[in-house]
C-alpha atoms as a PDB file:
ATOM      1  CA  MET A   1      -2.970  32.148 -19.919  1.00  0.00           C
ATOM      2  CA  ARG A   2       0.439  30.677 -19.205  1.00  0.00           C
ATOM      3  CA  GLU A   3      -0.700  29.627 -15.734  1.00  0.00           C
ATOM      4  CA  LYS A   4      -3.692  27.791 -17.222  1.00  0.00           C
ATOM      5  CA  GLN A   5      -1.467  26.040 -19.760  1.00  0.00           C
ATOM      6  CA  ALA A   6       0.981  25.049 -17.044  1.00  0.00           C
ATOM      7  CA  ARG A   7      -1.871  23.673 -14.919  1.00  0.00           C
ATOM      8  CA  ALA A   8      -3.247  21.731 -17.888  1.00  0.00           C
ATOM      9  CA  ARG A   9       0.149  20.125 -18.401  1.00  0.00           C
ATOM     10  CA  GLU A  10       0.353  19.367 -14.689  1.00  0.00           C
ATOM     11  CA  LEU A  11      -2.963  17.541 -14.712  1.00  0.00           C
ATOM     12  CA  LYS A  12      -1.675  15.242 -17.448  1.00  0.00           C
ATOM     13  CA  VAL A  13       1.061  13.957 -15.138  1.00  0.00           C
ATOM     14  CA  LYS A  14       0.244  10.384 -14.209  1.00  0.00           C
ATOM     15  CA  PRO A  15       0.094   9.666 -10.472  1.00  0.00           C
ATOM     16  CA  THR A  16       2.559   7.680  -8.423  1.00  0.00           C
ATOM     17  CA  VAL A  17       1.053   5.277  -5.887  1.00  0.00           C
ATOM     18  CA  LEU A  18       3.258   4.725  -2.839  1.00  0.00           C
ATOM     19  CA  LYS A  19       2.525   1.987  -0.290  1.00  0.00           C
ATOM     20  CA  LEU A  20       4.160   2.011   3.144  1.00  0.00           C
ATOM     21  CA  GLY A  21       3.916  -1.433   4.688  1.00  0.00           C
ATOM     22  CA  GLY A  22       2.604  -1.928   8.195  1.00  0.00           C
ATOM     23  CA  SER A  23       5.838  -3.743   9.068  1.00  0.00           C
ATOM     24  CA  VAL A  24       7.730  -0.479   8.502  1.00  0.00           C
ATOM     25  CA  ILE A  25       5.503   2.040  10.279  1.00  0.00           C
ATOM     26  CA  THR A  26       4.550  -0.163  13.263  1.00  0.00           C
ATOM     27  CA  HIS A  27       6.187  -2.734  15.494  1.00  0.00           C
ATOM     28  CA  LYS A  28       4.219  -5.746  14.295  1.00  0.00           C
ATOM     29  CA  GLU A  29       5.132  -7.891  17.295  1.00  0.00           C
ATOM     30  CA  LYS A  30       3.639  -5.309  19.712  1.00  0.00           C
ATOM     31  CA  PRO A  31      -0.115  -4.633  19.303  1.00  0.00           C
ATOM     32  CA  LEU A  32      -1.055  -0.997  18.695  1.00  0.00           C
ATOM     33  CA  THR A  33       2.575   0.168  18.722  1.00  0.00           C
ATOM     34  CA  PRO A  34       3.626   2.689  16.044  1.00  0.00           C
ATOM     35  CA  ASN A  35       7.195   3.104  14.849  1.00  0.00           C
ATOM     36  CA  LEU A  36       7.203   6.863  15.281  1.00  0.00           C
ATOM     37  CA  PRO A  37      10.828   7.471  14.189  1.00  0.00           C
ATOM     38  CA  ALA A  38      10.158   5.574  10.947  1.00  0.00           C
ATOM     39  CA  ILE A  39       6.924   7.484  10.309  1.00  0.00           C
ATOM     40  CA  LYS A  40       8.732  10.803  10.826  1.00  0.00           C
ATOM     41  CA  ARG A  41      11.657   9.786   8.617  1.00  0.00           C
ATOM     42  CA  LEU A  42       9.416   8.599   5.799  1.00  0.00           C
ATOM     43  CA  ALA A  43       7.385  11.814   5.942  1.00  0.00           C
ATOM     44  CA  SER A  44      10.635  13.741   5.600  1.00  0.00           C
ATOM     45  CA  GLU A  45      11.730  11.643   2.600  1.00  0.00           C
ATOM     46  CA  ILE A  46       8.375  12.119   0.870  1.00  0.00           C
ATOM     47  CA  SER A  47       8.529  15.849   1.508  1.00  0.00           C
ATOM     48  CA  ARG A  48      12.058  16.166   0.128  1.00  0.00           C
ATOM     49  CA  ALA A  49      11.156  14.164  -2.981  1.00  0.00           C
ATOM     50  CA  ASN A  50       8.299  16.598  -3.713  1.00  0.00           C
ATOM     51  CA  VAL A  51       6.609  14.298  -6.238  1.00  0.00           C
ATOM     52  CA  SER A  52       3.722  15.694  -8.251  1.00  0.00           C
ATOM     53  CA  ARG A  53       0.413  13.777  -8.006  1.00  0.00           C
ATOM     54  CA  LEU A  54       1.179  11.315  -5.241  1.00  0.00           C
ATOM     55  CA  VAL A  55      -1.270   8.842  -3.693  1.00  0.00           C
ATOM     56  CA  LEU A  56      -0.186   7.254  -0.426  1.00  0.00           C
ATOM     57  CA  VAL A  57      -1.465   3.979   1.035  1.00  0.00           C
ATOM     58  CA  HIS A  58      -0.280   2.456   4.294  1.00  0.00           C
ATOM     59  CA  GLY A  59      -0.743  -0.925   5.870  1.00  0.00           C
ATOM     60  CA  GLY A  60      -2.156  -1.784   9.277  1.00  0.00           C
ATOM     61  CA  GLY A  61       0.703  -3.628  10.942  1.00  0.00           C
ATOM     62  CA  SER A  62       0.172  -4.034  14.681  1.00  0.00           C
ATOM     63  CA  PHE A  63      -2.888  -1.766  14.614  1.00  0.00           C
ATOM     64  CA  GLY A  64      -5.250  -3.512  12.210  1.00  0.00           C
ATOM     65  CA  HIS A  65      -4.219  -7.144  11.986  1.00  0.00           C
ATOM     66  CA  PRO A  66      -4.375  -8.391  15.613  1.00  0.00           C
ATOM     67  CA  ILE A  67      -7.868  -7.002  16.219  1.00  0.00           C
ATOM     68  CA  ALA A  68      -9.148  -8.179  12.835  1.00  0.00           C
ATOM     69  CA  LYS A  69      -7.816 -11.664  13.561  1.00  0.00           C
ATOM     70  CA  GLN A  70      -9.293 -11.707  17.078  1.00  0.00           C
ATOM     71  CA  TYR A  71     -12.777 -11.074  15.692  1.00  0.00           C
ATOM     72  CA  ALA A  72     -12.291 -13.016  12.422  1.00  0.00           C
ATOM     73  CA  ILE A  73     -13.335  -9.970  10.397  1.00  0.00           C
ATOM     74  CA  GLU A  74     -11.748 -11.390   7.230  1.00  0.00           C
ATOM     75  CA  LYS A  75     -14.214 -14.323   7.319  1.00  0.00           C
ATOM     76  CA  GLY A  76     -17.207 -12.017   7.096  1.00  0.00           C
ATOM     77  CA  TYR A  77     -20.186 -11.602   9.376  1.00  0.00           C
ATOM     78  CA  LYS A  78     -20.956 -14.762  11.342  1.00  0.00           C
ATOM     79  CA  ASP A  79     -22.446 -13.521  14.591  1.00  0.00           C
ATOM     80  CA  GLN A  80     -23.306 -10.363  16.504  1.00  0.00           C
ATOM     81  CA  SER A  81     -20.101 -10.447  18.564  1.00  0.00           C
ATOM     82  CA  GLN A  82     -18.093  -9.413  15.490  1.00  0.00           C
ATOM     83  CA  ILE A  83     -19.875  -6.077  15.139  1.00  0.00           C
ATOM     84  CA  ILE A  84     -17.840  -4.480  17.912  1.00  0.00           C
ATOM     85  CA  GLY A  85     -14.722  -6.054  16.387  1.00  0.00           C
ATOM     86  CA  PHE A  86     -15.422  -4.329  13.082  1.00  0.00           C
ATOM     87  CA  SER A  87     -15.698  -1.006  14.917  1.00  0.00           C
ATOM     88  CA  LYS A  88     -12.493  -1.641  16.893  1.00  0.00           C
ATOM     89  CA  THR A  89     -10.568  -2.577  13.742  1.00  0.00           C
ATOM     90  CA  ARG A  90     -11.666   0.569  11.945  1.00  0.00           C
ATOM     91  CA  GLN A  91     -10.895   2.758  14.937  1.00  0.00           C
ATOM     92  CA  ALA A  92      -7.393   1.256  15.232  1.00  0.00           C
ATOM     93  CA  MET A  93      -6.704   2.042  11.579  1.00  0.00           C
ATOM     94  CA  ILE A  94      -8.013   5.575  12.036  1.00  0.00           C
ATOM     95  CA  ALA A  95      -5.586   6.024  14.961  1.00  0.00           C
ATOM     96  CA  LEU A  96      -2.605   4.836  12.902  1.00  0.00           C
ATOM     97  CA  ASN A  97      -3.684   6.898   9.909  1.00  0.00           C
ATOM     98  CA  LYS A  98      -3.816  10.015  12.078  1.00  0.00           C
ATOM     99  CA  LEU A  99      -0.211   9.496  13.144  1.00  0.00           C
ATOM    100  CA  VAL A 100       0.879   9.159   9.501  1.00  0.00           C
ATOM    101  CA  VAL A 101      -1.141  12.136   8.249  1.00  0.00           C
ATOM    102  CA  ASP A 102      -0.097  14.341  11.178  1.00  0.00           C
ATOM    103  CA  SER A 103       3.556  13.644  10.389  1.00  0.00           C
ATOM    104  CA  LEU A 104       3.061  14.372   6.691  1.00  0.00           C
ATOM    105  CA  ILE A 105       1.378  17.687   7.477  1.00  0.00           C
ATOM    106  CA  GLN A 106       4.195  18.581   9.895  1.00  0.00           C
ATOM    107  CA  HIS A 107       6.541  18.119   6.920  1.00  0.00           C
ATOM    108  CA  ASN A 108       4.499  20.546   4.821  1.00  0.00           C
ATOM    109  CA  ILE A 109       2.682  17.898   2.793  1.00  0.00           C
ATOM    110  CA  SER A 110      -0.976  18.647   2.062  1.00  0.00           C
ATOM    111  CA  ALA A 111      -2.125  15.186   3.131  1.00  0.00           C
ATOM    112  CA  VAL A 112      -5.832  14.339   3.311  1.00  0.00           C
ATOM    113  CA  THR A 113      -7.239  11.121   4.742  1.00  0.00           C
ATOM    114  CA  VAL A 114      -9.582   9.154   2.480  1.00  0.00           C
ATOM    115  CA  GLN A 115     -11.090   6.245   4.387  1.00  0.00           C
ATOM    116  CA  PRO A 116     -11.571   3.241   2.077  1.00  0.00           C
ATOM    117  CA  SER A 117     -14.649   2.157   4.035  1.00  0.00           C
ATOM    118  CA  SER A 118     -16.374   5.381   2.959  1.00  0.00           C
ATOM    119  CA  CYS A 119     -15.858   4.896  -0.788  1.00  0.00           C
ATOM    120  CA  ILE A 120     -15.382   1.156  -1.370  1.00  0.00           C
ATOM    121  CA  ILE A 121     -17.630  -1.911  -1.141  1.00  0.00           C
ATOM    122  CA  THR A 122     -16.231  -5.382  -1.702  1.00  0.00           C
ATOM    123  CA  LYS A 123     -17.827  -8.623  -2.898  1.00  0.00           C
ATOM    124  CA  GLN A 124     -16.303 -11.743  -1.354  1.00  0.00           C
ATOM    125  CA  GLY A 125     -13.369  -9.615  -0.270  1.00  0.00           C
ATOM    126  CA  ARG A 126     -12.645  -8.199  -3.737  1.00  0.00           C
ATOM    127  CA  ILE A 127     -13.314  -4.572  -4.644  1.00  0.00           C
ATOM    128  CA  GLN A 128     -16.737  -4.350  -6.299  1.00  0.00           C
ATOM    129  CA  LEU A 129     -17.387  -0.614  -6.150  1.00  0.00           C
ATOM    130  CA  MET A 130     -14.922   2.259  -5.797  1.00  0.00           C
ATOM    131  CA  GLU A 131     -15.898   5.922  -5.979  1.00  0.00           C
ATOM    132  CA  GLU A 132     -12.669   7.511  -7.203  1.00  0.00           C
ATOM    133  CA  ARG A 133     -13.953  10.944  -8.255  1.00  0.00           C
ATOM    134  CA  PRO A 134     -13.026  12.614  -4.948  1.00  0.00           C
ATOM    135  CA  LEU A 135      -9.514  11.183  -5.315  1.00  0.00           C
ATOM    136  CA  ARG A 136      -9.182  12.644  -8.808  1.00  0.00           C
ATOM    137  CA  LYS A 137     -10.298  16.034  -7.539  1.00  0.00           C
ATOM    138  CA  LEU A 138      -7.858  15.918  -4.635  1.00  0.00           C
ATOM    139  CA  LEU A 139      -5.004  15.156  -7.040  1.00  0.00           C
ATOM    140  CA  GLU A 140      -6.059  17.965  -9.370  1.00  0.00           C
ATOM    141  CA  MET A 141      -5.902  20.377  -6.430  1.00  0.00           C
ATOM    142  CA  GLU A 142      -2.435  19.074  -5.479  1.00  0.00           C
ATOM    143  CA  PHE A 143      -3.463  17.332  -2.282  1.00  0.00           C
ATOM    144  CA  VAL A 144      -1.908  13.994  -1.313  1.00  0.00           C
ATOM    145  CA  PRO A 145      -4.706  11.468  -0.634  1.00  0.00           C
ATOM    146  CA  VAL A 146      -3.772   9.034   2.138  1.00  0.00           C
ATOM    147  CA  LEU A 147      -5.624   5.714   2.261  1.00  0.00           C
ATOM    148  CA  HIS A 148      -5.029   2.553   4.242  1.00  0.00           C
ATOM    149  CA  GLY A 149      -5.956  -1.074   4.628  1.00  0.00           C
ATOM    150  CA  ASP A 150      -9.392  -1.148   6.211  1.00  0.00           C
ATOM    151  CA  ALA A 151     -12.394  -3.097   7.410  1.00  0.00           C
ATOM    152  CA  VAL A 152     -15.059  -2.437   4.773  1.00  0.00           C
ATOM    153  CA  LEU A 153     -18.627  -3.459   4.009  1.00  0.00           C
ATOM    154  CA  ASP A 154     -19.055  -6.465   1.722  1.00  0.00           C
ATOM    155  CA  SER A 155     -22.131  -7.093  -0.429  1.00  0.00           C
ATOM    156  CA  ASP A 156     -21.992 -10.852   0.194  1.00  0.00           C
ATOM    157  CA  LYS A 157     -20.187 -11.377   3.498  1.00  0.00           C
ATOM    158  CA  GLY A 158     -21.435  -8.335   5.387  1.00  0.00           C
ATOM    159  CA  PHE A 159     -17.919  -7.044   5.913  1.00  0.00           C
ATOM    160  CA  ALA A 160     -14.356  -7.940   4.949  1.00  0.00           C
ATOM    161  CA  ILE A 161     -10.747  -6.894   5.292  1.00  0.00           C
ATOM    162  CA  LEU A 162      -9.504  -4.804   2.374  1.00  0.00           C
ATOM    163  CA  SER A 163      -5.736  -5.137   2.184  1.00  0.00           C
ATOM    164  CA  GLY A 164      -3.599  -2.149   1.317  1.00  0.00           C
ATOM    165  CA  ASP A 165      -2.054  -4.255  -1.441  1.00  0.00           C
ATOM    166  CA  GLN A 166      -5.354  -4.869  -3.247  1.00  0.00           C
ATOM    167  CA  LEU A 167      -6.165  -1.207  -2.741  1.00  0.00           C
ATOM    168  CA  VAL A 168      -2.861  -0.077  -4.284  1.00  0.00           C
ATOM    169  CA  SER A 169      -3.377  -2.109  -7.439  1.00  0.00           C
ATOM    170  CA  SER A 170      -6.988  -0.957  -7.887  1.00  0.00           C
ATOM    171  CA  LEU A 171      -6.088   2.689  -7.286  1.00  0.00           C
ATOM    172  CA  ALA A 172      -3.265   2.513  -9.800  1.00  0.00           C
ATOM    173  CA  ILE A 173      -5.612   1.154 -12.464  1.00  0.00           C
ATOM    174  CA  LYS A 174      -8.508   3.511 -11.678  1.00  0.00           C
ATOM    175  CA  LEU A 175      -6.278   6.597 -11.595  1.00  0.00           C
ATOM    176  CA  ASN A 176      -4.148   5.551 -14.579  1.00  0.00           C
ATOM    177  CA  ALA A 177      -0.977   5.703 -12.498  1.00  0.00           C
ATOM    178  CA  GLU A 178       2.456   5.601 -14.028  1.00  0.00           C
ATOM    179  CA  ARG A 179       4.105   3.541 -11.306  1.00  0.00           C
ATOM    180  CA  ILE A 180       3.692   1.806  -7.980  1.00  0.00           C
ATOM    181  CA  ILE A 181       6.281   1.829  -5.205  1.00  0.00           C
ATOM    182  CA  ILE A 182       5.871  -0.700  -2.399  1.00  0.00           C
ATOM    183  CA  GLY A 183       7.917  -0.082   0.745  1.00  0.00           C
ATOM    184  CA  ILE A 184       8.355  -3.149   2.980  1.00  0.00           C
ATOM    185  CA  ASP A 185      10.922  -4.259   5.595  1.00  0.00           C
ATOM    186  CA  VAL A 186      13.141  -6.350   3.296  1.00  0.00           C
ATOM    187  CA  ASP A 187      15.064  -5.442   0.138  1.00  0.00           C
ATOM    188  CA  GLY A 188      12.454  -6.756  -2.297  1.00  0.00           C
ATOM    189  CA  LEU A 189      11.074 -10.121  -3.372  1.00  0.00           C
ATOM    190  CA  TYR A 190      13.087 -13.242  -2.688  1.00  0.00           C
ATOM    191  CA  ALA A 191      12.853 -16.822  -3.883  1.00  0.00           C
ATOM    192  CA  SER A 192      12.644 -17.801  -0.188  1.00  0.00           C
ATOM    193  CA  ASP A 193      12.166 -15.980   3.111  1.00  0.00           C
ATOM    194  CA  PRO A 194      15.270 -13.780   3.711  1.00  0.00           C
ATOM    195  CA  LYS A 195      14.434 -13.573   7.417  1.00  0.00           C
ATOM    196  CA  THR A 196      14.952 -17.311   7.871  1.00  0.00           C
ATOM    197  CA  ASP A 197      17.152 -18.230   4.879  1.00  0.00           C
ATOM    198  CA  LEU A 198      20.559 -16.545   4.838  1.00  0.00           C
ATOM    199  CA  ASN A 199      21.072 -17.710   1.244  1.00  0.00           C
ATOM    200  CA  ALA A 200      17.812 -16.277  -0.051  1.00  0.00           C
ATOM    201  CA  GLN A 201      18.281 -14.704  -3.483  1.00  0.00           C
ATOM    202  CA  LEU A 202      16.827 -11.300  -4.322  1.00  0.00           C
ATOM    203  CA  ILE A 203      14.682 -11.276  -7.456  1.00  0.00           C
ATOM    204  CA  GLN A 204      15.742  -8.002  -9.083  1.00  0.00           C
ATOM    205  CA  HIS A 205      13.456  -8.105 -12.125  1.00  0.00           C
ATOM    206  CA  ALA A 206      10.352 -10.118 -12.925  1.00  0.00           C
ATOM    207  CA  THR A 207       7.335 -10.237 -15.183  1.00  0.00           C
ATOM    208  CA  PRO A 208       3.845 -11.373 -14.133  1.00  0.00           C
ATOM    209  CA  GLN A 209       4.442 -14.636 -15.974  1.00  0.00           C
ATOM    210  CA  GLU A 210       7.636 -15.283 -14.016  1.00  0.00           C
ATOM    211  CA  LEU A 211       5.967 -14.398 -10.739  1.00  0.00           C
ATOM    212  CA  ARG A 212       3.235 -16.951 -11.347  1.00  0.00           C
ATOM    213  CA  LYS A 213       5.921 -19.610 -11.831  1.00  0.00           C
ATOM    214  CA  LEU A 214       7.605 -18.543  -8.592  1.00  0.00           C
ATOM    215  CA  GLN A 215       4.443 -18.592  -6.476  1.00  0.00           C
ATOM    216  CA  HIS A 216       5.178 -21.935  -4.889  1.00  0.00           C
ATOM    217  CA  LYS A 217       8.668 -20.743  -3.868  1.00  0.00           C
ATOM    218  CA  ILE A 218       7.491 -17.635  -2.037  1.00  0.00           C
ATOM    219  CA  GLU A 219       6.945 -18.291   1.656  1.00  0.00           C
ATOM    220  CA  GLU A 220       4.172 -16.685   3.669  1.00  0.00           C
ATOM    221  CA  ASN A 221       5.223 -14.141   6.340  1.00  0.00           C
ATOM    222  CA  LYS A 222       5.572 -15.826   9.707  1.00  0.00           C
ATOM    223  CA  VAL A 223       4.149 -12.811  11.557  1.00  0.00           C
ATOM    224  CA  THR A 224       0.323 -12.843  11.714  1.00  0.00           C
ATOM    225  CA  ASP A 225      -1.090 -11.091   8.641  1.00  0.00           C
ATOM    226  CA  VAL A 226      -4.733 -11.636   7.707  1.00  0.00           C
ATOM    227  CA  THR A 227      -4.143 -10.164   4.221  1.00  0.00           C
ATOM    228  CA  GLY A 228      -1.986 -13.033   2.984  1.00  0.00           C
ATOM    229  CA  GLY A 229       1.616 -11.985   3.606  1.00  0.00           C
ATOM    230  CA  MET A 230       4.245 -11.638   0.915  1.00  0.00           C
ATOM    231  CA  LEU A 231       2.565 -13.986  -1.555  1.00  0.00           C
ATOM    232  CA  GLY A 232      -0.551 -11.856  -1.425  1.00  0.00           C
ATOM    233  CA  LYS A 233       1.451  -8.671  -2.003  1.00  0.00           C
ATOM    234  CA  ILE A 234       3.001 -10.100  -5.154  1.00  0.00           C
ATOM    235  CA  MET A 235      -0.158 -11.411  -6.709  1.00  0.00           C
ATOM    236  CA  GLU A 236      -2.162  -8.244  -5.981  1.00  0.00           C
ATOM    237  CA  LEU A 237       0.249  -6.229  -8.128  1.00  0.00           C
ATOM    238  CA  ILE A 238      -0.178  -8.339 -11.255  1.00  0.00           C
ATOM    239  CA  PRO A 239      -3.440  -6.768 -12.590  1.00  0.00           C
ATOM    240  CA  ALA A 240      -1.872  -3.292 -12.467  1.00  0.00           C
ATOM    241  CA  VAL A 241       1.398  -4.457 -14.010  1.00  0.00           C
ATOM    242  CA  GLU A 242      -0.491  -6.148 -16.833  1.00  0.00           C
ATOM    243  CA  LYS A 243      -2.052  -2.731 -17.558  1.00  0.00           C
ATOM    244  CA  GLY A 244       1.454  -1.378 -18.169  1.00  0.00           C
ATOM    245  CA  ILE A 245       1.996   0.122 -14.698  1.00  0.00           C
ATOM    246  CA  GLN A 246       5.507  -0.593 -13.444  1.00  0.00           C
ATOM    247  CA  ALA A 247       5.847  -1.709  -9.816  1.00  0.00           C
ATOM    248  CA  MET A 248       8.921  -1.554  -7.617  1.00  0.00           C
ATOM    249  CA  ILE A 249       9.348  -3.192  -4.231  1.00  0.00           C
ATOM    250  CA  ILE A 250      11.971  -1.662  -1.943  1.00  0.00           C
ATOM    251  CA  ASN A 251      13.121  -1.722   1.668  1.00  0.00           C
ATOM    252  CA  ALA A 252      11.462   1.318   3.239  1.00  0.00           C
ATOM    253  CA  ALA A 253      13.167   0.549   6.563  1.00  0.00           C
ATOM    254  CA  ASN A 254      16.451   1.718   5.034  1.00  0.00           C
ATOM    255  CA  PRO A 255      16.893   5.511   5.163  1.00  0.00           C
ATOM    256  CA  ASP A 256      16.533   7.360   1.838  1.00  0.00           C
ATOM    257  CA  ASN A 257      15.263   4.355  -0.139  1.00  0.00           C
ATOM    258  CA  VAL A 258      11.774   5.827  -0.474  1.00  0.00           C
ATOM    259  CA  TYR A 259      13.249   9.220  -1.374  1.00  0.00           C
ATOM    260  CA  LYS A 260      15.473   7.661  -4.064  1.00  0.00           C
ATOM    261  CA  ALA A 261      12.625   5.592  -5.501  1.00  0.00           C
ATOM    262  CA  LEU A 262      10.350   8.626  -5.701  1.00  0.00           C
ATOM    263  CA  LYS A 263      13.136  10.620  -7.381  1.00  0.00           C
ATOM    264  CA  ARG A 264      13.827   7.747  -9.794  1.00  0.00           C
ATOM    265  CA  GLU A 265      17.331   7.301  -8.450  1.00  0.00           C
ATOM    266  CA  ARG A 266      18.991   3.898  -8.290  1.00  0.00           C
ATOM    267  CA  VAL A 267      17.863   1.831  -5.326  1.00  0.00           C
ATOM    268  CA  SER A 268      18.076  -1.865  -4.559  1.00  0.00           C
ATOM    269  CA  GLY A 269      14.788  -3.707  -4.932  1.00  0.00           C
ATOM    270  CA  THR A 270      12.561  -5.706  -7.266  1.00  0.00           C
ATOM    271  CA  VAL A 271      11.120  -4.220 -10.450  1.00  0.00           C
ATOM    272  CA  ILE A 272       7.989  -5.897 -11.820  1.00  0.00           C
ATOM    273  CA  LYS A 273       7.192  -4.952 -15.384  1.00  0.00           C
ATOM    274  CA  ARG A 274       4.965  -6.233 -18.160  1.00  0.00           C
ATOM    275  CA  GLY A 275       6.610  -8.022 -21.069  1.00  0.00           C
ATOM    276  CA  GLU A 276      10.105  -9.382 -21.171  1.00  0.00           C
ATOM    277  CA  THR A 277      12.320  -9.288 -18.096  1.00  0.00           C
ATOM    278  CA  VAL A 278      14.126  -5.970 -17.733  1.00  0.00           C
ATOM    279  CA  ALA A 279      17.762  -6.266 -18.752  1.00  0.00           C
END
């Protein structure tokens, strides 16, 4: 009886959605090149944090983006030559996902791949249909679902690129998550590009309203990214934040930042929260 009651309480725990950016787990300037030390370290941090009801999403980095751009997958079906490009893009993401999931399993995490292309259809690049029931069941059984940015079928365009950032926000809403943690290769959101502007100021706290005002100040990533770069990452989070789901953007390239964020310890970054700016 006590075990059943404990399990019932456990199932009421709201999920955490963690996104690992492609810039952290791959070398984006080198096509199809994983950052294996980073993948191993992050798997270790996630294992040590031991968070209940975790959903993991990772980006494509140098695996998904170059091939998708080569075949213009994000523009939808235009001619027969793109069909093989769709297959190559998906296969590249499967290869990267295997590296991530293998590392998680090696660190005693019960990770299970869930391919977005098998449960999601988009319409003009936006999620139209998502079958989340398998994800709910996986969480109930204490698995860690691992999804990723993907090439998916589109009801209007034939196919499209589904960014990990859009996926994170939709998952958080569908699964009634408590929080979102986004791990990228800089310390958070800046008013200008910190990689080119030494005086760039970190935005520590923001509301959706403030982010909309700052849109024109946020520069696009200079490295090729068919999902829209940093501006896209920010705006994709807003629907989830407006549902009351807090989002935090941190530098996952720095050791222990992901661990600290998962454990709710203090870590430098940007907190995005509905309502008034956090004091």
